[in-house]
Structures are given as C-alpha cells and as structure tokens.
Amino acid sequence: MILDLHTHSVRSDDGRAKVANYCQWIKKKDLPLDGVVLTEHRQFDAESDYRELEDQYGLLILKASEVETDYGHVLVFGVNEDMVHAFDFARIDNPLPEVLAAAKSCGGFAVPCHPGRRNVGLFSHYEERGPVDDVEVVEIYNGGSIPGEDERSRQEADRYGYRGIGGSDSHIVSRIGLCATEFADDIATMDDLVSALRTGRCEARTWRT
C-alpha cells in the first residue's frame, strides 16, 4: 500500500490544491497511490470530512499536521485532542524534544521532514547544536527538494541510523505523488499508520526524475 505522507491543501496558508482535485489528478494520471495524508501547516484540521471523497475515488484520506520547531519542520501523525493541548501547533519555535515526547505520550508519531533543507531542515540544526534524542524516522524523499537536499537527508539518516519515509510536500495538484511511502501491510486508519511507522514496516519511494 502506497501513501503520500506529506501534502497540503487550500487549508494551508500557501496551499493551492483542493482535496477533490488531488483525488481527480491521482486517478486521471493513474498514479500508484492508495491514499494521501494531509499535513496542513501549523494546525490540525479537525473539521473537514473527506469520507465522501474516499468512497468516490477509492482512496484513503488521512489528516496529520506539519508543525515548526527549533530544529526545523516536523510531520506529526496521530493527532488527537490530548496532543492538540500538549503544545502550540501555531508556534514557529516549538522545542523539538517536547514535540517528540508529546507525540509519543499521546499515541502519535513525529517525523522531521525535508531534514536536508537549509534553515527548516533537521540536519542544518544538527551542525550547529548537535543531535536530538528520540528521533527515529525522517523524511528522506521530499517532492519539493532542490538538488542535493534529499541526498543529504539520506546520508545523514544513514549516519544517525534513522529510518526513512517519503512525501511529495505538494502544494499544487501536479506535484502529488512525486514521493511517497510504501507500507508492508494495509493501512485503513491513522492508528494503522502510526503503528507501521513505529515498527518500521514501510519504505520510502520516489518517482522524481
């Protein structure tokens, strides 16, 4: 099962894609995606209901968040009411150890994204301040990366023993599915996804040329 774990819709301040249009594009282009995870910036969208789109297009649509920390941007999966109150999703400098700990204690999982990117990537901060405990997985394939960024992500992930995921980081329809994550087991819920990330039963994939 292949899911794009990093996407943004019009609910993000810089997103220009409607979720319905993502679904249409996936089917029109026959992309090898079974679903997407919406990771809106600095928020968790608890309101939107995409079940009709799931049924119409035969895709899994899950919701997560992309939050900002003092060590760069982080995808947070398994967001629930406890986690929403554990730290400030709108803040741009959350301490990374607090986000990692809150995600874990609330039953979720946190993954630094585009870690090879300057300023907003984990490994740029490692250069200046050293590594952070409890990071287990990072995004090694990102559809928005410029040349050299994913290479750095993979090299540093290998160096620190981190497992990897992939996501398109799409903000427009045509970027969906450039990178994704393949799961060994069927994923039907966010709990399934979190469990697979914890156990490592997944592999980063890219179709970028």
N, C-alpha and C. Protein backbone atom coordinates (compact mmCIF):
# COMPACT_ATOMS: atom_id res chain seq x y z
N MET A 1 0.85 -1.19 0.00
CA MET A 1 0.00 0.00 0.00
C MET A 1 0.89 1.24 0.00
N ILE A 2 0.59 2.19 -0.89
CA ILE A 2 1.45 3.36 -1.05
C ILE A 2 0.67 4.63 -0.70
N LEU A 3 1.21 5.39 0.24
CA LEU A 3 0.58 6.63 0.70
C LEU A 3 1.56 7.79 0.56
N ASP A 4 1.06 8.91 0.11
CA ASP A 4 1.82 10.17 0.12
C ASP A 4 1.62 10.78 1.49
N LEU A 5 2.67 10.81 2.30
CA LEU A 5 2.55 11.20 3.71
C LEU A 5 2.73 12.69 3.96
N HIS A 6 2.87 13.50 2.91
CA HIS A 6 3.17 14.92 3.14
C HIS A 6 2.51 15.74 2.04
N THR A 7 1.30 16.24 2.31
CA THR A 7 0.57 17.03 1.31
C THR A 7 -0.13 18.21 1.98
N HIS A 8 -0.37 19.25 1.19
CA HIS A 8 -1.03 20.46 1.70
C HIS A 8 -2.19 20.84 0.79
N SER A 9 -3.31 21.19 1.38
CA SER A 9 -4.47 21.64 0.62
C SER A 9 -4.64 23.14 0.79
N VAL A 10 -5.75 23.66 0.29
CA VAL A 10 -6.03 25.09 0.43
C VAL A 10 -6.21 25.50 1.89
N ARG A 11 -6.32 24.56 2.79
CA ARG A 11 -6.42 24.90 4.21
C ARG A 11 -5.09 25.38 4.78
N SER A 12 -3.98 25.08 4.08
CA SER A 12 -2.69 25.64 4.46
C SER A 12 -2.56 27.03 3.83
N ASP A 13 -1.82 27.91 4.49
CA ASP A 13 -1.73 29.29 4.03
C ASP A 13 -1.10 29.42 2.66
N ASP A 14 -0.27 28.44 2.26
CA ASP A 14 0.37 28.50 0.95
C ASP A 14 -0.08 27.37 0.04
N GLY A 15 -1.12 26.65 0.43
CA GLY A 15 -1.63 25.56 -0.39
C GLY A 15 -2.61 26.06 -1.45
N ARG A 16 -2.53 25.49 -2.65
CA ARG A 16 -3.39 25.93 -3.74
C ARG A 16 -4.19 24.79 -4.35
N ALA A 17 -4.25 23.66 -3.66
CA ALA A 17 -4.94 22.49 -4.20
C ALA A 17 -6.12 22.10 -3.31
N LYS A 18 -7.25 21.85 -3.93
CA LYS A 18 -8.38 21.28 -3.21
C LYS A 18 -8.20 19.76 -3.14
N VAL A 19 -8.68 19.17 -2.07
CA VAL A 19 -8.50 17.74 -1.89
C VAL A 19 -9.19 16.96 -3.02
N ALA A 20 -10.35 17.42 -3.44
CA ALA A 20 -11.05 16.76 -4.55
C ALA A 20 -10.20 16.77 -5.81
N ASN A 21 -9.50 17.87 -6.05
CA ASN A 21 -8.64 17.95 -7.24
C ASN A 21 -7.44 17.01 -7.15
N TYR A 22 -6.90 16.83 -5.94
CA TYR A 22 -5.85 15.83 -5.76
C TYR A 22 -6.37 14.45 -6.16
N CYS A 23 -7.55 14.11 -5.68
CA CYS A 23 -8.13 12.80 -5.98
C CYS A 23 -8.33 12.62 -7.48
N GLN A 24 -8.85 13.65 -8.12
CA GLN A 24 -9.07 13.59 -9.57
C GLN A 24 -7.77 13.39 -10.32
N TRP A 25 -6.74 14.10 -9.90
CA TRP A 25 -5.43 14.02 -10.56
C TRP A 25 -4.82 12.62 -10.40
N ILE A 26 -4.91 12.08 -9.20
CA ILE A 26 -4.37 10.74 -8.94
C ILE A 26 -5.00 9.72 -9.87
N LYS A 27 -6.30 9.81 -10.04
CA LYS A 27 -7.00 8.85 -10.90
C LYS A 27 -6.73 9.14 -12.39
N LYS A 28 -6.74 10.41 -12.76
CA LYS A 28 -6.51 10.77 -14.16
C LYS A 28 -5.14 10.33 -14.64
N LYS A 29 -4.13 10.50 -13.80
CA LYS A 29 -2.76 10.16 -14.17
C LYS A 29 -2.39 8.73 -13.79
N ASP A 30 -3.36 8.01 -13.21
CA ASP A 30 -3.13 6.63 -12.80
C ASP A 30 -1.88 6.50 -11.92
N LEU A 31 -1.78 7.40 -10.95
CA LEU A 31 -0.63 7.38 -10.04
C LEU A 31 -0.72 6.17 -9.10
N PRO A 32 0.41 5.61 -8.72
CA PRO A 32 0.40 4.42 -7.87
C PRO A 32 0.18 4.75 -6.39
N LEU A 33 -0.82 5.55 -6.12
CA LEU A 33 -1.13 5.96 -4.75
C LEU A 33 -2.44 5.33 -4.29
N ASP A 34 -2.42 4.82 -3.07
CA ASP A 34 -3.64 4.32 -2.45
C ASP A 34 -4.27 5.35 -1.51
N GLY A 35 -3.56 6.45 -1.28
CA GLY A 35 -4.11 7.48 -0.42
C GLY A 35 -3.11 8.57 -0.12
N VAL A 36 -3.58 9.57 0.61
CA VAL A 36 -2.75 10.72 0.98
C VAL A 36 -2.99 11.08 2.43
N VAL A 37 -2.01 11.74 3.00
CA VAL A 37 -2.15 12.31 4.34
C VAL A 37 -2.00 13.82 4.21
N LEU A 38 -2.99 14.54 4.67
CA LEU A 38 -3.00 16.00 4.62
C LEU A 38 -2.29 16.53 5.86
N THR A 39 -1.20 17.25 5.64
CA THR A 39 -0.37 17.73 6.75
C THR A 39 -0.34 19.26 6.71
N GLU A 40 -1.46 19.86 7.08
CA GLU A 40 -1.58 21.32 6.98
C GLU A 40 -0.61 22.01 7.93
N HIS A 41 -0.12 23.16 7.50
CA HIS A 41 0.88 23.90 8.27
C HIS A 41 0.32 24.46 9.58
N ARG A 42 1.05 24.22 10.67
CA ARG A 42 0.81 24.88 11.96
C ARG A 42 -0.63 24.77 12.45
N GLN A 43 -1.26 23.64 12.19
CA GLN A 43 -2.65 23.45 12.61
C GLN A 43 -3.00 21.98 12.46
N PHE A 44 -4.11 21.60 13.09
CA PHE A 44 -4.72 20.31 12.80
C PHE A 44 -6.16 20.56 12.41
N ASP A 45 -6.51 20.11 11.23
CA ASP A 45 -7.85 20.31 10.69
C ASP A 45 -8.77 19.22 11.24
N ALA A 46 -9.48 19.54 12.32
CA ALA A 46 -10.39 18.57 12.92
C ALA A 46 -11.78 18.64 12.30
N GLU A 47 -12.02 19.59 11.41
CA GLU A 47 -13.36 19.83 10.91
C GLU A 47 -13.68 19.10 9.60
N SER A 48 -12.76 19.10 8.67
CA SER A 48 -13.06 18.58 7.33
C SER A 48 -13.34 17.07 7.35
N ASP A 49 -14.34 16.67 6.60
CA ASP A 49 -14.73 15.27 6.49
C ASP A 49 -14.59 14.85 5.02
N TYR A 50 -13.68 13.93 4.76
CA TYR A 50 -13.39 13.54 3.38
C TYR A 50 -13.91 12.14 3.05
N ARG A 51 -14.84 11.63 3.84
CA ARG A 51 -15.32 10.27 3.61
C ARG A 51 -16.01 10.12 2.26
N GLU A 52 -16.75 11.12 1.82
CA GLU A 52 -17.39 11.02 0.51
C GLU A 52 -16.36 10.94 -0.61
N LEU A 53 -15.29 11.71 -0.49
CA LEU A 53 -14.22 11.64 -1.49
C LEU A 53 -13.53 10.28 -1.46
N GLU A 54 -13.32 9.75 -0.27
CA GLU A 54 -12.71 8.42 -0.16
C GLU A 54 -13.54 7.38 -0.90
N ASP A 55 -14.85 7.44 -0.68
CA ASP A 55 -15.74 6.47 -1.34
C ASP A 55 -15.79 6.69 -2.84
N GLN A 56 -15.82 7.94 -3.26
CA GLN A 56 -15.94 8.25 -4.69
C GLN A 56 -14.72 7.82 -5.48
N TYR A 57 -13.53 8.03 -4.90
CA TYR A 57 -12.29 7.79 -5.64
C TYR A 57 -11.53 6.55 -5.19
N GLY A 58 -12.02 5.88 -4.15
CA GLY A 58 -11.34 4.69 -3.68
C GLY A 58 -9.97 4.96 -3.11
N LEU A 59 -9.84 6.09 -2.43
CA LEU A 59 -8.57 6.50 -1.83
C LEU A 59 -8.72 6.68 -0.33
N LEU A 60 -7.65 6.44 0.39
CA LEU A 60 -7.62 6.72 1.82
C LEU A 60 -7.15 8.16 2.01
N ILE A 61 -7.89 8.94 2.79
CA ILE A 61 -7.52 10.33 3.07
C ILE A 61 -7.43 10.51 4.57
N LEU A 62 -6.22 10.69 5.07
CA LEU A 62 -5.99 10.87 6.50
C LEU A 62 -5.49 12.28 6.76
N LYS A 63 -5.57 12.70 8.03
CA LYS A 63 -5.16 14.06 8.40
C LYS A 63 -4.10 14.02 9.49
N ALA A 64 -3.07 14.84 9.30
CA ALA A 64 -1.99 14.99 10.27
C ALA A 64 -1.66 16.48 10.35
N SER A 65 -0.41 16.81 10.62
CA SER A 65 -0.03 18.22 10.72
C SER A 65 1.46 18.37 10.45
N GLU A 66 1.84 19.55 9.95
CA GLU A 66 3.25 19.93 9.87
C GLU A 66 3.47 21.09 10.83
N VAL A 67 4.24 20.84 11.87
CA VAL A 67 4.50 21.87 12.87
C VAL A 67 5.94 22.34 12.75
N GLU A 68 6.21 23.48 13.36
CA GLU A 68 7.54 24.08 13.28
C GLU A 68 8.22 24.03 14.64
N THR A 69 9.49 23.65 14.62
CA THR A 69 10.24 23.53 15.86
C THR A 69 11.56 24.29 15.75
N ASP A 70 12.27 24.31 16.84
CA ASP A 70 13.58 24.97 16.85
C ASP A 70 14.63 24.16 16.10
N TYR A 71 14.26 22.97 15.63
CA TYR A 71 15.15 22.14 14.81
C TYR A 71 14.55 21.90 13.42
N GLY A 72 13.62 22.73 13.00
CA GLY A 72 13.04 22.58 11.68
C GLY A 72 11.62 22.03 11.73
N HIS A 73 11.09 21.73 10.55
CA HIS A 73 9.70 21.31 10.42
C HIS A 73 9.54 19.82 10.70
N VAL A 74 8.37 19.48 11.25
CA VAL A 74 8.12 18.11 11.69
C VAL A 74 6.69 17.70 11.32
N LEU A 75 6.54 16.53 10.72
CA LEU A 75 5.23 15.95 10.47
C LEU A 75 4.78 15.21 11.72
N VAL A 76 3.55 15.49 12.14
CA VAL A 76 3.02 14.85 13.34
C VAL A 76 1.79 14.04 12.96
N PHE A 77 1.89 12.72 13.16
CA PHE A 77 0.82 11.80 12.82
C PHE A 77 0.12 11.34 14.10
N GLY A 78 -1.17 11.01 13.96
CA GLY A 78 -1.93 10.55 15.12
C GLY A 78 -2.36 11.67 16.04
N VAL A 79 -2.62 12.83 15.48
CA VAL A 79 -3.04 13.98 16.30
C VAL A 79 -4.41 13.70 16.91
N ASN A 80 -4.53 13.95 18.20
CA ASN A 80 -5.80 13.81 18.90
C ASN A 80 -5.97 15.00 19.84
N GLU A 81 -7.06 15.00 20.60
CA GLU A 81 -7.35 16.15 21.45
C GLU A 81 -6.28 16.37 22.50
N ASP A 82 -5.74 15.28 23.05
CA ASP A 82 -4.68 15.42 24.04
C ASP A 82 -3.45 16.09 23.43
N MET A 83 -3.09 15.68 22.21
CA MET A 83 -1.90 16.24 21.58
C MET A 83 -2.09 17.71 21.23
N VAL A 84 -3.29 18.07 20.78
CA VAL A 84 -3.56 19.47 20.43
C VAL A 84 -3.31 20.39 21.62
N HIS A 85 -3.53 19.86 22.82
CA HIS A 85 -3.33 20.67 24.03
C HIS A 85 -1.95 20.48 24.65
N ALA A 86 -1.14 19.59 24.07
CA ALA A 86 0.18 19.31 24.65
C ALA A 86 1.22 20.35 24.25
N PHE A 87 1.05 20.96 23.06
CA PHE A 87 1.94 22.03 22.62
C PHE A 87 1.17 22.91 21.65
N ASP A 88 1.76 24.06 21.32
CA ASP A 88 1.08 25.04 20.48
C ASP A 88 1.40 24.79 19.02
N PHE A 89 0.43 24.24 18.28
CA PHE A 89 0.65 23.91 16.88
C PHE A 89 0.97 25.15 16.04
N ALA A 90 0.49 26.31 16.45
CA ALA A 90 0.70 27.54 15.68
C ALA A 90 2.07 28.17 15.92
N ARG A 91 2.74 27.74 16.95
CA ARG A 91 4.04 28.32 17.29
C ARG A 91 5.09 27.94 16.25
N ILE A 92 6.06 28.81 16.00
CA ILE A 92 7.07 28.54 14.99
C ILE A 92 8.41 28.09 15.58
N ASP A 93 8.48 27.95 16.91
CA ASP A 93 9.74 27.53 17.53
C ASP A 93 9.52 26.55 18.67
N ASN A 94 8.58 25.62 18.48
CA ASN A 94 8.39 24.58 19.49
C ASN A 94 9.69 23.82 19.72
N PRO A 95 10.06 23.55 20.96
CA PRO A 95 11.24 22.72 21.21
C PRO A 95 11.03 21.31 20.64
N LEU A 96 11.91 20.86 19.80
CA LEU A 96 11.74 19.56 19.17
C LEU A 96 11.58 18.43 20.19
N PRO A 97 12.39 18.37 21.25
CA PRO A 97 12.19 17.27 22.21
C PRO A 97 10.79 17.25 22.80
N GLU A 98 10.19 18.42 22.99
CA GLU A 98 8.83 18.46 23.54
C GLU A 98 7.81 17.93 22.54
N VAL A 99 7.99 18.25 21.27
CA VAL A 99 7.07 17.75 20.24
C VAL A 99 7.21 16.23 20.11
N LEU A 100 8.43 15.72 20.09
CA LEU A 100 8.64 14.29 20.01
C LEU A 100 8.01 13.57 21.20
N ALA A 101 8.22 14.12 22.40
CA ALA A 101 7.69 13.49 23.61
C ALA A 101 6.17 13.56 23.65
N ALA A 102 5.61 14.71 23.26
CA ALA A 102 4.15 14.87 23.27
C ALA A 102 3.50 13.91 22.29
N ALA A 103 4.07 13.81 21.09
CA ALA A 103 3.51 12.89 20.10
C ALA A 103 3.52 11.47 20.63
N LYS A 104 4.60 11.06 21.22
CA LYS A 104 4.71 9.69 21.72
C LYS A 104 3.74 9.44 22.87
N SER A 105 3.69 10.35 23.83
CA SER A 105 2.85 10.14 25.01
C SER A 105 1.37 10.18 24.68
N CYS A 106 1.01 10.86 23.58
CA CYS A 106 -0.39 10.96 23.18
C CYS A 106 -0.79 9.90 22.15
N GLY A 107 0.12 8.98 21.86
CA GLY A 107 -0.20 7.89 20.96
C GLY A 107 0.07 8.16 19.51
N GLY A 108 0.83 9.22 19.21
CA GLY A 108 1.15 9.56 17.84
C GLY A 108 2.60 9.30 17.50
N PHE A 109 3.07 9.94 16.43
CA PHE A 109 4.44 9.75 15.99
C PHE A 109 4.89 10.98 15.21
N ALA A 110 6.09 11.46 15.51
CA ALA A 110 6.61 12.69 14.89
C ALA A 110 7.81 12.37 14.01
N VAL A 111 7.82 12.97 12.81
CA VAL A 111 8.87 12.71 11.83
C VAL A 111 9.39 14.03 11.26
N PRO A 112 10.63 14.41 11.54
CA PRO A 112 11.20 15.59 10.89
C PRO A 112 11.15 15.46 9.37
N CYS A 113 10.68 16.51 8.71
CA CYS A 113 10.54 16.45 7.25
C CYS A 113 11.61 17.32 6.57
N HIS A 114 11.84 17.03 5.29
CA HIS A 114 12.92 17.64 4.49
C HIS A 114 14.12 18.00 5.37
N PRO A 115 14.70 17.01 6.05
CA PRO A 115 15.77 17.31 7.02
C PRO A 115 17.06 17.81 6.38
N GLY A 116 17.22 17.60 5.06
CA GLY A 116 18.41 18.08 4.39
C GLY A 116 18.32 19.51 3.90
N ARG A 117 17.19 20.16 4.15
CA ARG A 117 16.97 21.52 3.67
C ARG A 117 17.61 22.52 4.63
N ARG A 118 18.08 23.61 4.08
CA ARG A 118 18.68 24.65 4.91
C ARG A 118 17.60 25.33 5.76
N ASN A 119 17.96 25.73 6.95
CA ASN A 119 17.13 26.52 7.87
C ASN A 119 15.96 25.73 8.45
N VAL A 120 15.11 25.15 7.62
CA VAL A 120 13.94 24.45 8.13
C VAL A 120 14.14 22.94 8.18
N GLY A 121 15.37 22.47 7.96
CA GLY A 121 15.68 21.05 8.00
C GLY A 121 16.47 20.66 9.23
N LEU A 122 16.21 19.48 9.74
CA LEU A 122 16.81 18.99 10.97
C LEU A 122 18.33 19.03 10.96
N PHE A 123 18.93 18.59 9.86
CA PHE A 123 20.38 18.39 9.89
C PHE A 123 21.17 19.68 9.83
N SER A 124 20.57 20.76 9.34
CA SER A 124 21.23 22.06 9.44
C SER A 124 21.39 22.47 10.90
N HIS A 125 20.40 22.15 11.70
CA HIS A 125 20.47 22.47 13.13
C HIS A 125 21.41 21.52 13.86
N TYR A 126 21.50 20.28 13.38
CA TYR A 126 22.45 19.36 13.98
C TYR A 126 23.87 19.89 13.85
N GLU A 127 24.18 20.52 12.73
CA GLU A 127 25.52 21.07 12.51
C GLU A 127 25.88 22.07 13.59
N GLU A 128 24.91 22.87 14.01
CA GLU A 128 25.17 23.94 14.95
C GLU A 128 25.01 23.51 16.41
N ARG A 129 24.07 22.55 16.65
CA ARG A 129 23.69 22.28 18.05
C ARG A 129 23.78 20.83 18.44
N GLY A 130 24.08 19.97 17.50
CA GLY A 130 24.17 18.55 17.81
C GLY A 130 22.84 17.84 17.70
N PRO A 131 22.87 16.50 17.74
CA PRO A 131 21.65 15.71 17.53
C PRO A 131 20.69 15.76 18.72
N VAL A 132 19.46 15.37 18.44
CA VAL A 132 18.39 15.31 19.44
C VAL A 132 18.03 13.86 19.67
N ASP A 133 17.88 13.48 20.93
CA ASP A 133 17.47 12.12 21.26
C ASP A 133 16.02 11.89 20.80
N ASP A 134 15.69 10.63 20.57
CA ASP A 134 14.32 10.16 20.30
C ASP A 134 13.84 10.40 18.87
N VAL A 135 14.68 10.96 18.00
CA VAL A 135 14.33 10.95 16.58
C VAL A 135 14.56 9.53 16.07
N GLU A 136 13.57 8.97 15.40
CA GLU A 136 13.67 7.61 14.88
C GLU A 136 13.54 7.55 13.36
N VAL A 137 12.73 8.42 12.80
CA VAL A 137 12.40 8.40 11.38
C VAL A 137 12.47 9.82 10.84
N VAL A 138 13.00 9.99 9.64
CA VAL A 138 12.99 11.29 8.96
C VAL A 138 12.52 11.09 7.52
N GLU A 139 12.10 12.18 6.91
CA GLU A 139 11.66 12.14 5.53
C GLU A 139 12.89 12.24 4.61
N ILE A 140 13.21 11.14 3.94
CA ILE A 140 14.42 11.13 3.11
C ILE A 140 14.12 11.46 1.65
N TYR A 141 12.87 11.36 1.23
CA TYR A 141 12.46 11.79 -0.11
C TYR A 141 11.36 12.83 0.02
N ASN A 142 11.59 14.00 -0.52
CA ASN A 142 10.62 15.10 -0.46
C ASN A 142 10.46 15.66 -1.87
N GLY A 143 9.20 15.73 -2.33
CA GLY A 143 8.94 16.16 -3.69
C GLY A 143 9.30 17.61 -3.98
N GLY A 144 9.52 18.41 -2.94
CA GLY A 144 9.87 19.80 -3.14
C GLY A 144 11.35 20.09 -2.98
N SER A 145 12.15 19.07 -2.81
CA SER A 145 13.59 19.27 -2.58
C SER A 145 14.29 19.77 -3.84
N ILE A 146 15.29 20.60 -3.63
CA ILE A 146 16.17 21.00 -4.71
C ILE A 146 17.34 20.03 -4.74
N PRO A 147 18.12 20.00 -5.85
CA PRO A 147 19.23 19.05 -5.93
C PRO A 147 20.16 19.13 -4.72
N GLY A 148 20.48 17.98 -4.19
CA GLY A 148 21.39 17.87 -3.05
C GLY A 148 20.69 17.70 -1.72
N GLU A 149 19.44 18.16 -1.60
CA GLU A 149 18.77 18.10 -0.30
C GLU A 149 18.40 16.68 0.09
N ASP A 150 17.79 15.93 -0.82
CA ASP A 150 17.44 14.55 -0.48
C ASP A 150 18.68 13.70 -0.30
N GLU A 151 19.70 13.98 -1.07
CA GLU A 151 20.96 13.24 -0.91
C GLU A 151 21.51 13.46 0.50
N ARG A 152 21.46 14.69 0.95
CA ARG A 152 21.93 14.97 2.31
C ARG A 152 21.04 14.29 3.34
N SER A 153 19.74 14.32 3.09
CA SER A 153 18.82 13.67 4.03
C SER A 153 19.15 12.19 4.18
N ARG A 154 19.39 11.52 3.06
CA ARG A 154 19.68 10.09 3.11
C ARG A 154 21.03 9.81 3.77
N GLN A 155 22.02 10.61 3.44
CA GLN A 155 23.34 10.39 4.01
C GLN A 155 23.34 10.57 5.53
N GLU A 156 22.69 11.64 5.98
CA GLU A 156 22.67 11.90 7.42
C GLU A 156 21.77 10.91 8.15
N ALA A 157 20.69 10.49 7.49
CA ALA A 157 19.83 9.47 8.11
C ALA A 157 20.61 8.18 8.31
N ASP A 158 21.41 7.80 7.31
CA ASP A 158 22.26 6.61 7.45
C ASP A 158 23.26 6.80 8.58
N ARG A 159 23.82 7.98 8.66
CA ARG A 159 24.83 8.26 9.68
C ARG A 159 24.26 8.10 11.09
N TYR A 160 23.02 8.55 11.29
CA TYR A 160 22.43 8.51 12.62
C TYR A 160 21.54 7.28 12.85
N GLY A 161 21.41 6.45 11.84
CA GLY A 161 20.62 5.24 12.00
C GLY A 161 19.13 5.47 11.97
N TYR A 162 18.68 6.52 11.29
CA TYR A 162 17.26 6.81 11.20
C TYR A 162 16.63 6.07 10.02
N ARG A 163 15.42 5.61 10.22
CA ARG A 163 14.65 5.07 9.10
C ARG A 163 14.05 6.22 8.29
N GLY A 164 13.57 5.90 7.06
CA GLY A 164 13.11 6.97 6.18
C GLY A 164 11.71 6.77 5.65
N ILE A 165 11.03 7.91 5.39
CA ILE A 165 9.76 7.92 4.70
C ILE A 165 9.85 8.88 3.51
N GLY A 166 8.82 8.88 2.67
CA GLY A 166 8.76 9.81 1.56
C GLY A 166 7.42 10.51 1.48
N GLY A 167 7.43 11.75 1.00
CA GLY A 167 6.20 12.51 0.80
C GLY A 167 6.43 13.58 -0.25
N SER A 168 5.37 13.95 -0.96
CA SER A 168 5.53 14.90 -2.07
C SER A 168 5.72 16.33 -1.61
N ASP A 169 5.22 16.67 -0.40
CA ASP A 169 5.20 18.06 0.04
C ASP A 169 4.46 18.93 -0.99
N SER A 170 3.42 18.36 -1.57
CA SER A 170 2.69 19.04 -2.64
C SER A 170 1.85 20.19 -2.10
N HIS A 171 1.90 21.30 -2.83
CA HIS A 171 1.04 22.45 -2.56
C HIS A 171 0.14 22.75 -3.77
N ILE A 172 0.47 22.12 -4.90
CA ILE A 172 -0.35 22.22 -6.10
C ILE A 172 -0.63 20.80 -6.61
N VAL A 173 -1.69 20.66 -7.37
CA VAL A 173 -2.18 19.34 -7.75
C VAL A 173 -1.14 18.50 -8.47
N SER A 174 -0.41 19.11 -9.39
CA SER A 174 0.50 18.33 -10.24
C SER A 174 1.72 17.79 -9.52
N ARG A 175 1.91 18.16 -8.25
CA ARG A 175 3.07 17.67 -7.50
C ARG A 175 2.75 16.46 -6.64
N ILE A 176 1.48 16.09 -6.55
CA ILE A 176 1.10 14.98 -5.69
C ILE A 176 1.77 13.69 -6.16
N GLY A 177 2.23 12.89 -5.21
CA GLY A 177 2.75 11.58 -5.53
C GLY A 177 4.15 11.52 -6.09
N LEU A 178 4.88 12.62 -6.11
CA LEU A 178 6.27 12.57 -6.59
C LEU A 178 7.12 11.69 -5.68
N CYS A 179 6.83 11.74 -4.41
CA CYS A 179 7.47 10.86 -3.43
C CYS A 179 6.37 10.32 -2.51
N ALA A 180 6.59 9.15 -1.96
CA ALA A 180 5.57 8.55 -1.11
C ALA A 180 6.23 7.47 -0.24
N THR A 181 5.39 6.73 0.46
CA THR A 181 5.88 5.68 1.35
C THR A 181 5.08 4.41 1.10
N GLU A 182 5.78 3.31 0.91
CA GLU A 182 5.13 2.03 0.68
C GLU A 182 5.09 1.23 1.98
N PHE A 183 3.91 0.73 2.31
CA PHE A 183 3.70 0.01 3.56
C PHE A 183 3.56 -1.49 3.30
N ALA A 184 4.11 -2.28 4.19
CA ALA A 184 4.05 -3.73 4.04
C ALA A 184 2.66 -4.27 4.32
N ASP A 185 1.88 -3.56 5.12
CA ASP A 185 0.54 -4.00 5.50
C ASP A 185 -0.49 -2.99 5.03
N ASP A 186 -1.74 -3.41 4.97
CA ASP A 186 -2.82 -2.49 4.64
C ASP A 186 -2.96 -1.43 5.72
N ILE A 187 -3.19 -0.20 5.30
CA ILE A 187 -3.41 0.91 6.21
C ILE A 187 -4.85 1.39 6.01
N ALA A 188 -5.65 1.36 7.07
CA ALA A 188 -7.04 1.79 6.97
C ALA A 188 -7.33 2.98 7.87
N THR A 189 -6.51 3.18 8.90
CA THR A 189 -6.74 4.24 9.88
C THR A 189 -5.41 4.91 10.23
N MET A 190 -5.50 6.02 10.92
CA MET A 190 -4.29 6.68 11.38
C MET A 190 -3.57 5.82 12.41
N ASP A 191 -4.29 5.07 13.21
CA ASP A 191 -3.65 4.16 14.16
C ASP A 191 -2.80 3.13 13.42
N ASP A 192 -3.32 2.61 12.30
CA ASP A 192 -2.53 1.68 11.50
C ASP A 192 -1.24 2.33 11.00
N LEU A 193 -1.38 3.57 10.56
CA LEU A 193 -0.22 4.29 10.04
C LEU A 193 0.83 4.52 11.12
N VAL A 194 0.39 4.98 12.27
CA VAL A 194 1.32 5.22 13.38
C VAL A 194 2.02 3.93 13.78
N SER A 195 1.28 2.84 13.85
CA SER A 195 1.88 1.56 14.21
C SER A 195 2.94 1.14 13.20
N ALA A 196 2.65 1.35 11.90
CA ALA A 196 3.62 0.98 10.87
C ALA A 196 4.88 1.84 10.94
N LEU A 197 4.71 3.11 11.25
CA LEU A 197 5.88 3.98 11.39
C LEU A 197 6.72 3.56 12.59
N ARG A 198 6.08 3.18 13.66
CA ARG A 198 6.82 2.76 14.85
C ARG A 198 7.62 1.49 14.61
N THR A 199 7.01 0.55 13.92
CA THR A 199 7.65 -0.75 13.73
C THR A 199 8.56 -0.80 12.52
N GLY A 200 8.50 0.24 11.67
CA GLY A 200 9.38 0.29 10.51
C GLY A 200 8.92 -0.56 9.34
N ARG A 201 7.65 -0.91 9.32
CA ARG A 201 7.14 -1.74 8.22
C ARG A 201 6.73 -0.87 7.03
N CYS A 202 7.67 -0.10 6.57
CA CYS A 202 7.42 0.80 5.44
C CYS A 202 8.75 1.21 4.81
N GLU A 203 8.66 1.74 3.58
CA GLU A 203 9.87 2.10 2.84
C GLU A 203 9.60 3.35 2.00
N ALA A 204 10.53 4.27 2.02
CA ALA A 204 10.40 5.50 1.23
C ALA A 204 10.54 5.18 -0.25
N ARG A 205 9.72 5.87 -1.05
CA ARG A 205 9.75 5.69 -2.51
C ARG A 205 9.78 7.06 -3.18
N THR A 206 10.42 7.11 -4.34
CA THR A 206 10.40 8.35 -5.13
C THR A 206 10.25 8.03 -6.59
N TRP A 207 9.52 8.91 -7.29
CA TRP A 207 9.35 8.82 -8.74
C TRP A 207 9.88 10.09 -9.42
N ARG A 208 10.67 10.85 -8.69
CA ARG A 208 11.26 12.04 -9.28
C ARG A 208 12.33 11.64 -10.27
N THR A 209 12.43 12.37 -11.37
CA THR A 209 13.45 12.08 -12.37
C THR A 209 14.50 13.18 -12.41
